[in-house]
Amino acid sequence: MIAAVRPQPTETLPDGVRAMWLCEDVVSVLIVVAIAFGIAAAADALMPWLPLVSAVAGLAHIVLVPRERHRRYRWELHEEELDLLAGVLRVTRTIVPITRIQHVSVERTGWTRIFGLVRLNVHTAAGQTTIPGLAPARADDVRDRILARLRTPDDL
């Protein structure tokens, strides 16, 4: 007997997440290029090409990765589980059973606030799973829906 294929999650992330990831990647690439310049200066004639290669690779990363990462990230809260699908080169599907969730937190940082976003963290005994960016009201709603599903008549 072949089991039915579970449909992929349908919820997407807001566009602000793509902008946040783009800014994070720009900062990372600038740091890598600065380090490459330092290495090239210290090694002098040995690696004059290193900053150029770093800059070209970094530019390709900035142009391609945040957009693809945003396009492919999906999540959905079902009655009995939280389903997440993420990744560009390595796609990971994470299914967190609601009954395994110990607590849920909404994380607001200075960085996410710039983009009008928050992170939703779902904690289990096995670790933490994160939806990397939601509008604050949406994150509060998802958190409340998860917590409502955790409450059973036996808990009351």
C-alpha atoms as a PDB file:
ATOM      1  CA  MET A   1       0.000   0.000   0.000  1.00  0.00           C
ATOM      2  CA  ILE A   2       1.414   3.380  -1.011  1.00  0.00           C
ATOM      3  CA  ALA A   3       0.816   6.254   1.367  1.00  0.00           C
ATOM      4  CA  ALA A   4      -0.706   9.451   0.035  1.00  0.00           C
ATOM      5  CA  VAL A   5       1.741  12.254  -0.650  1.00  0.00           C
ATOM      6  CA  ARG A   6       1.339  15.122   1.764  1.00  0.00           C
ATOM      7  CA  PRO A   7       0.725  18.422  -0.049  1.00  0.00           C
ATOM      8  CA  GLN A   8       3.350  21.111   0.369  1.00  0.00           C
ATOM      9  CA  PRO A   9       2.655  24.002   2.737  1.00  0.00           C
ATOM     10  CA  THR A  10       1.032  27.028   1.115  1.00  0.00           C
ATOM     11  CA  GLU A  11       1.746  30.044   3.358  1.00  0.00           C
ATOM     12  CA  THR A  12       4.504  32.366   2.156  1.00  0.00           C
ATOM     13  CA  LEU A  13       6.621  34.920   3.974  1.00  0.00           C
ATOM     14  CA  PRO A  14       6.009  38.663   3.603  1.00  0.00           C
ATOM     15  CA  ASP A  15       8.193  40.583   1.132  1.00  0.00           C
ATOM     16  CA  GLY A  16       9.990  42.295   4.014  1.00  0.00           C
ATOM     17  CA  VAL A  17      11.739  38.995   4.744  1.00  0.00           C
ATOM     18  CA  ARG A  18      13.386  39.048   1.333  1.00  0.00           C
ATOM     19  CA  ALA A  19      14.608  42.602   1.980  1.00  0.00           C
ATOM     20  CA  MET A  20      15.913  41.575   5.417  1.00  0.00           C
ATOM     21  CA  TRP A  21      17.770  38.581   3.967  1.00  0.00           C
ATOM     22  CA  LEU A  22      19.170  40.756   1.172  1.00  0.00           C
ATOM     23  CA  CYS A  23      20.551  43.285   3.683  1.00  0.00           C
ATOM     24  CA  GLU A  24      22.027  40.506   5.834  1.00  0.00           C
ATOM     25  CA  ASP A  25      23.723  39.006   2.776  1.00  0.00           C
ATOM     26  CA  VAL A  26      25.084  42.379   1.633  1.00  0.00           C
ATOM     27  CA  VAL A  27      26.716  42.885   5.034  1.00  0.00           C
ATOM     28  CA  SER A  28      28.156  39.359   4.970  1.00  0.00           C
ATOM     29  CA  VAL A  29      29.549  39.789   1.454  1.00  0.00           C
ATOM     30  CA  LEU A  30      31.119  43.148   2.358  1.00  0.00           C
ATOM     31  CA  ILE A  31      32.864  41.506   5.318  1.00  0.00           C
ATOM     32  CA  VAL A  32      34.141  38.641   3.145  1.00  0.00           C
ATOM     33  CA  VAL A  33      35.411  41.053   0.475  1.00  0.00           C
ATOM     34  CA  ALA A  34      37.145  43.186   3.135  1.00  0.00           C
ATOM     35  CA  ILE A  35      38.852  40.064   4.519  1.00  0.00           C
ATOM     36  CA  ALA A  36      39.850  39.070   0.964  1.00  0.00           C
ATOM     37  CA  PHE A  37      41.415  42.516   0.474  1.00  0.00           C
ATOM     38  CA  GLY A  38      43.328  42.065   3.725  1.00  0.00           C
ATOM     39  CA  ILE A  39      44.610  38.659   2.700  1.00  0.00           C
ATOM     40  CA  ALA A  40      45.553  39.907  -0.771  1.00  0.00           C
ATOM     41  CA  ALA A  41      47.423  42.877   0.706  1.00  0.00           C
ATOM     42  CA  ALA A  42      49.275  40.655   3.180  1.00  0.00           C
ATOM     43  CA  ALA A  43      50.138  38.050   0.554  1.00  0.00           C
ATOM     44  CA  ASP A  44      50.918  40.785  -1.987  1.00  0.00           C
ATOM     45  CA  ALA A  45      51.683  39.129  -5.318  1.00  0.00           C
ATOM     46  CA  LEU A  46      50.371  35.709  -4.347  1.00  0.00           C
ATOM     47  CA  MET A  47      46.627  36.490  -4.425  1.00  0.00           C
ATOM     48  CA  PRO A  48      45.754  39.748  -6.205  1.00  0.00           C
ATOM     49  CA  TRP A  49      42.693  38.051  -7.722  1.00  0.00           C
ATOM     50  CA  LEU A  50      41.122  37.064  -4.380  1.00  0.00           C
ATOM     51  CA  PRO A  51      39.134  40.292  -3.768  1.00  0.00           C
ATOM     52  CA  LEU A  52      37.770  40.229  -7.323  1.00  0.00           C
ATOM     53  CA  VAL A  53      36.689  36.585  -7.083  1.00  0.00           C
ATOM     54  CA  SER A  54      35.120  37.247  -3.669  1.00  0.00           C
ATOM     55  CA  ALA A  55      33.238  40.280  -4.966  1.00  0.00           C
ATOM     56  CA  VAL A  56      31.915  38.465  -8.059  1.00  0.00           C
ATOM     57  CA  ALA A  57      30.823  35.410  -6.051  1.00  0.00           C
ATOM     58  CA  GLY A  58      29.295  37.656  -3.418  1.00  0.00           C
ATOM     59  CA  LEU A  59      27.377  39.663  -6.009  1.00  0.00           C
ATOM     60  CA  ALA A  60      26.013  36.458  -7.557  1.00  0.00           C
ATOM     61  CA  HIS A  61      24.958  35.319  -4.083  1.00  0.00           C
ATOM     62  CA  ILE A  62      23.239  38.636  -3.336  1.00  0.00           C
ATOM     63  CA  VAL A  63      21.363  38.613  -6.648  1.00  0.00           C
ATOM     64  CA  LEU A  64      20.212  34.984  -6.535  1.00  0.00           C
ATOM     65  CA  VAL A  65      19.971  33.565  -3.024  1.00  0.00           C
ATOM     66  CA  PRO A  66      17.631  35.903  -1.081  1.00  0.00           C
ATOM     67  CA  ARG A  67      15.067  35.877  -3.892  1.00  0.00           C
ATOM     68  CA  GLU A  68      15.142  32.072  -4.272  1.00  0.00           C
ATOM     69  CA  ARG A  69      15.135  31.527  -0.525  1.00  0.00           C
ATOM     70  CA  HIS A  70      12.048  33.739  -0.198  1.00  0.00           C
ATOM     71  CA  ARG A  71      10.324  32.134  -3.189  1.00  0.00           C
ATOM     72  CA  ARG A  72      10.821  28.599  -1.886  1.00  0.00           C
ATOM     73  CA  TYR A  73      10.085  29.139   1.829  1.00  0.00           C
ATOM     74  CA  ARG A  74       6.640  27.830   2.732  1.00  0.00           C
ATOM     75  CA  TRP A  75       4.901  27.098   5.983  1.00  0.00           C
ATOM     76  CA  GLU A  76       1.464  26.081   7.168  1.00  0.00           C
ATOM     77  CA  LEU A  77      -0.216  25.444  10.489  1.00  0.00           C
ATOM     78  CA  HIS A  78      -2.418  22.369  10.284  1.00  0.00           C
ATOM     79  CA  GLU A  79      -4.705  21.005  12.952  1.00  0.00           C
ATOM     80  CA  GLU A  80      -2.063  18.611  14.298  1.00  0.00           C
ATOM     81  CA  GLU A  81       1.277  19.988  13.050  1.00  0.00           C
ATOM     82  CA  LEU A  82       3.349  22.918  11.882  1.00  0.00           C
ATOM     83  CA  ASP A  83       4.754  22.225   8.413  1.00  0.00           C
ATOM     84  CA  LEU A  84       7.781  24.160   7.098  1.00  0.00           C
ATOM     85  CA  LEU A  85       9.627  23.899   3.787  1.00  0.00           C
ATOM     86  CA  ALA A  86      12.869  25.856   3.331  1.00  0.00           C
ATOM     87  CA  GLY A  87      16.101  25.877   1.396  1.00  0.00           C
ATOM     88  CA  VAL A  88      17.716  26.760  -1.905  1.00  0.00           C
ATOM     89  CA  LEU A  89      20.330  24.115  -2.700  1.00  0.00           C
ATOM     90  CA  ARG A  90      19.317  21.804   0.126  1.00  0.00           C
ATOM     91  CA  VAL A  91      15.569  21.796   0.712  1.00  0.00           C
ATOM     92  CA  THR A  92      14.429  20.745   4.168  1.00  0.00           C
ATOM     93  CA  ARG A  93      10.875  19.921   5.164  1.00  0.00           C
ATOM     94  CA  THR A  94      10.223  20.097   8.883  1.00  0.00           C
ATOM     95  CA  ILE A  95       7.001  18.850  10.410  1.00  0.00           C
ATOM     96  CA  VAL A  96       6.535  19.689  14.077  1.00  0.00           C
ATOM     97  CA  PRO A  97       3.659  17.823  15.776  1.00  0.00           C
ATOM     98  CA  ILE A  98       1.611  20.248  17.851  1.00  0.00           C
ATOM     99  CA  THR A  99       1.661  17.786  20.764  1.00  0.00           C
ATOM    100  CA  ARG A 100       5.486  18.011  20.882  1.00  0.00           C
ATOM    101  CA  ILE A 101       5.570  21.802  21.224  1.00  0.00           C
ATOM    102  CA  GLN A 102       6.627  22.965  24.678  1.00  0.00           C
ATOM    103  CA  HIS A 103       6.367  26.707  24.158  1.00  0.00           C
ATOM    104  CA  VAL A 104       6.106  29.341  21.454  1.00  0.00           C
ATOM    105  CA  SER A 105       7.853  32.711  21.444  1.00  0.00           C
ATOM    106  CA  VAL A 106       7.595  35.776  19.253  1.00  0.00           C
ATOM    107  CA  GLU A 107      11.023  37.388  18.919  1.00  0.00           C
ATOM    108  CA  ARG A 108      11.255  41.107  18.199  1.00  0.00           C
ATOM    109  CA  THR A 109      14.746  42.517  17.648  1.00  0.00           C
ATOM    110  CA  GLY A 110      16.019  45.870  16.487  1.00  0.00           C
ATOM    111  CA  TRP A 111      16.968  44.294  13.169  1.00  0.00           C
ATOM    112  CA  THR A 112      13.573  42.680  12.481  1.00  0.00           C
ATOM    113  CA  ARG A 113      11.792  45.834  13.651  1.00  0.00           C
ATOM    114  CA  ILE A 114      13.491  47.808  10.830  1.00  0.00           C
ATOM    115  CA  PHE A 115      11.625  45.588   8.361  1.00  0.00           C
ATOM    116  CA  GLY A 116       8.366  45.493  10.344  1.00  0.00           C
ATOM    117  CA  LEU A 117       8.780  41.797  11.136  1.00  0.00           C
ATOM    118  CA  VAL A 118       9.119  39.372  14.024  1.00  0.00           C
ATOM    119  CA  ARG A 119      10.360  35.780  14.254  1.00  0.00           C
ATOM    120  CA  LEU A 120       8.098  33.023  15.513  1.00  0.00           C
ATOM    121  CA  ASN A 121      10.065  30.402  17.467  1.00  0.00           C
ATOM    122  CA  VAL A 122       8.530  27.028  18.236  1.00  0.00           C
ATOM    123  CA  HIS A 123      10.358  25.082  20.948  1.00  0.00           C
ATOM    124  CA  THR A 124      10.261  21.319  21.427  1.00  0.00           C
ATOM    125  CA  ALA A 125      12.406  18.944  23.459  1.00  0.00           C
ATOM    126  CA  ALA A 126      14.411  18.352  20.258  1.00  0.00           C
ATOM    127  CA  GLY A 127      15.196  22.028  19.689  1.00  0.00           C
ATOM    128  CA  GLN A 128      13.810  25.136  18.074  1.00  0.00           C
ATOM    129  CA  THR A 129      12.089  25.719  14.748  1.00  0.00           C
ATOM    130  CA  THR A 130      11.690  29.259  13.454  1.00  0.00           C
ATOM    131  CA  ILE A 131       9.481  31.035  10.964  1.00  0.00           C
ATOM    132  CA  PRO A 132      12.009  33.748  10.132  1.00  0.00           C
ATOM    133  CA  GLY A 133       9.678  36.642   9.490  1.00  0.00           C
ATOM    134  CA  LEU A 134       6.019  37.436   9.948  1.00  0.00           C
ATOM    135  CA  ALA A 135       4.059  40.614  10.492  1.00  0.00           C
ATOM    136  CA  PRO A 136       3.675  41.088  14.274  1.00  0.00           C
ATOM    137  CA  ALA A 137      -0.111  40.650  14.239  1.00  0.00           C
ATOM    138  CA  ARG A 138       0.185  37.505  12.094  1.00  0.00           C
ATOM    139  CA  ALA A 139       2.833  36.020  14.400  1.00  0.00           C
ATOM    140  CA  ASP A 140       0.682  36.716  17.454  1.00  0.00           C
ATOM    141  CA  ASP A 141      -2.273  35.052  15.727  1.00  0.00           C
ATOM    142  CA  VAL A 142      -0.249  31.944  14.782  1.00  0.00           C
ATOM    143  CA  ARG A 143       1.205  31.743  18.301  1.00  0.00           C
ATOM    144  CA  ASP A 144      -2.290  31.957  19.818  1.00  0.00           C
ATOM    145  CA  ARG A 145      -3.613  29.303  17.414  1.00  0.00           C
ATOM    146  CA  ILE A 146      -0.786  26.930  18.358  1.00  0.00           C
ATOM    147  CA  LEU A 147      -1.342  27.521  22.070  1.00  0.00           C
ATOM    148  CA  ALA A 148      -5.091  26.990  21.689  1.00  0.00           C
ATOM    149  CA  ARG A 149      -4.442  23.615  20.043  1.00  0.00           C
ATOM    150  CA  LEU A 150      -2.139  22.617  22.891  1.00  0.00           C
ATOM    151  CA  ARG A 151      -4.924  23.083  25.422  1.00  0.00           C
ATOM    152  CA  THR A 152      -7.089  20.013  25.762  1.00  0.00           C
ATOM    153  CA  PRO A 153     -10.077  19.371  28.034  1.00  0.00           C
ATOM    154  CA  ASP A 154      -7.742  17.381  30.311  1.00  0.00           C
ATOM    155  CA  ASP A 155      -5.618  20.517  30.803  1.00  0.00           C
ATOM    156  CA  LEU A 156      -8.541  22.659  31.913  1.00  0.00           C
END
